[in-house]
């Protein structure tokens, strides 16, 4: 069974720390909400942010196909590799 320290370290490796400034009333409201749900203020914020961005499209990679070259590399990969494709 993993030790508690290992579980905490694993959780911390999966998140990025950031800071926000809240006015006092918003901080108090956040604390009340967190307490009423039995979770931390950080978890309330994470859930709110996740909800806010849910369904937003992820950016598409635009660099594919930017360079010049044969357009059939995937279909003829073995042939190009045998011919030394990419070698000087």
Protein backbone atom coordinates (compact mmCIF):
# COMPACT_ATOMS: atom_id res chain seq x y z
CA UNK A 1 0.00 0.00 0.00
CA UNK A 2 1.43 3.46 -0.89
CA UNK A 3 2.38 5.78 1.93
CA UNK A 4 0.45 9.02 2.45
CA UNK A 5 3.57 11.02 1.61
CA UNK A 6 3.78 9.27 -1.77
CA UNK A 7 0.14 10.04 -2.54
CA UNK A 8 0.57 13.71 -1.68
CA UNK A 9 3.71 14.01 -3.77
CA UNK A 10 1.92 12.39 -6.71
CA UNK A 11 -0.96 14.84 -6.43
CA UNK A 12 1.38 17.82 -6.26
CA UNK A 13 3.20 16.67 -9.38
CA UNK A 14 -0.05 16.75 -11.36
CA UNK A 15 -1.01 20.35 -10.59
CA UNK A 16 0.47 23.76 -11.34
CA UNK A 17 0.58 26.31 -8.55
CA UNK A 18 -0.85 29.72 -9.30
CA UNK A 19 -1.89 32.72 -7.22
CA UNK A 20 -4.93 34.95 -7.40
CA UNK A 21 -5.94 38.06 -5.49
CA UNK A 22 -9.44 38.10 -4.00
CA UNK A 23 -11.22 40.91 -2.24
CA UNK A 24 -12.16 40.15 1.37
CA UNK A 25 -15.85 39.54 0.74
CA UNK A 26 -15.18 37.11 -2.10
CA UNK A 27 -12.64 35.27 0.04
CA UNK A 28 -15.17 34.98 2.89
CA UNK A 29 -17.86 33.74 0.50
CA UNK A 30 -15.41 31.23 -0.93
CA UNK A 31 -14.55 30.00 2.57
CA UNK A 32 -18.25 29.60 3.44
CA UNK A 33 -18.92 27.66 0.25
CA UNK A 34 -15.93 25.40 0.79
CA UNK A 35 -16.94 24.71 4.38
CA UNK A 36 -20.54 23.95 3.41
CA UNK A 37 -19.31 21.42 0.83
CA UNK A 38 -16.60 19.98 3.06
CA UNK A 39 -13.81 20.78 0.58
CA UNK A 40 -10.93 23.24 0.44
CA UNK A 41 -11.14 26.69 -1.11
CA UNK A 42 -8.61 25.51 -3.69
CA UNK A 43 -10.93 22.67 -4.70
CA UNK A 44 -13.88 25.08 -5.05
CA UNK A 45 -11.74 27.26 -7.33
CA UNK A 46 -10.51 24.27 -9.38
CA UNK A 47 -14.08 23.04 -9.89
CA UNK A 48 -15.32 26.50 -10.85
CA UNK A 49 -12.51 26.94 -13.37
CA UNK A 50 -13.03 23.45 -14.80
CA UNK A 51 -16.71 24.23 -15.24
CA UNK A 52 -15.92 27.57 -16.89
CA UNK A 53 -13.66 26.02 -19.53
CA UNK A 54 -15.65 22.80 -20.03
CA UNK A 55 -16.52 22.38 -23.68
CA UNK A 56 -14.06 24.98 -24.93
CA UNK A 57 -12.30 23.75 -28.06
CA UNK A 58 -8.64 22.89 -27.68
CA UNK A 59 -6.30 24.64 -30.12
CA UNK A 60 -5.41 22.59 -33.16
CA UNK A 61 -1.84 21.97 -34.19
CA UNK A 62 -1.14 24.24 -37.14
CA UNK A 63 2.46 23.30 -37.92
CA UNK A 64 1.57 20.06 -39.73
CA UNK A 65 2.27 20.36 -43.42
CA UNK A 66 4.12 23.66 -43.17
CA UNK A 67 7.36 22.41 -44.72
CA UNK A 68 7.92 21.43 -48.34
CA UNK A 69 8.44 17.81 -49.18
CA UNK A 70 6.78 14.81 -50.72
CA UNK A 71 3.12 14.52 -49.81
CA UNK A 72 3.09 10.75 -49.70
CA UNK A 73 5.56 10.04 -46.89
CA UNK A 74 3.08 8.13 -44.76
CA UNK A 75 1.92 5.92 -47.59
CA UNK A 76 5.45 5.21 -48.82
CA UNK A 77 7.42 5.38 -45.57
CA UNK A 78 9.30 2.12 -46.13
CA UNK A 79 10.43 3.18 -49.59
CA UNK A 80 11.64 6.60 -48.40
CA UNK A 81 13.51 5.05 -45.47
CA UNK A 82 15.17 2.54 -47.78
CA UNK A 83 16.23 5.39 -50.06
CA UNK A 84 17.75 7.29 -47.10
CA UNK A 85 15.06 9.97 -46.75
CA UNK A 86 16.33 12.88 -44.64
CA UNK A 87 20.00 11.97 -44.91
CA UNK A 88 22.52 14.38 -46.31
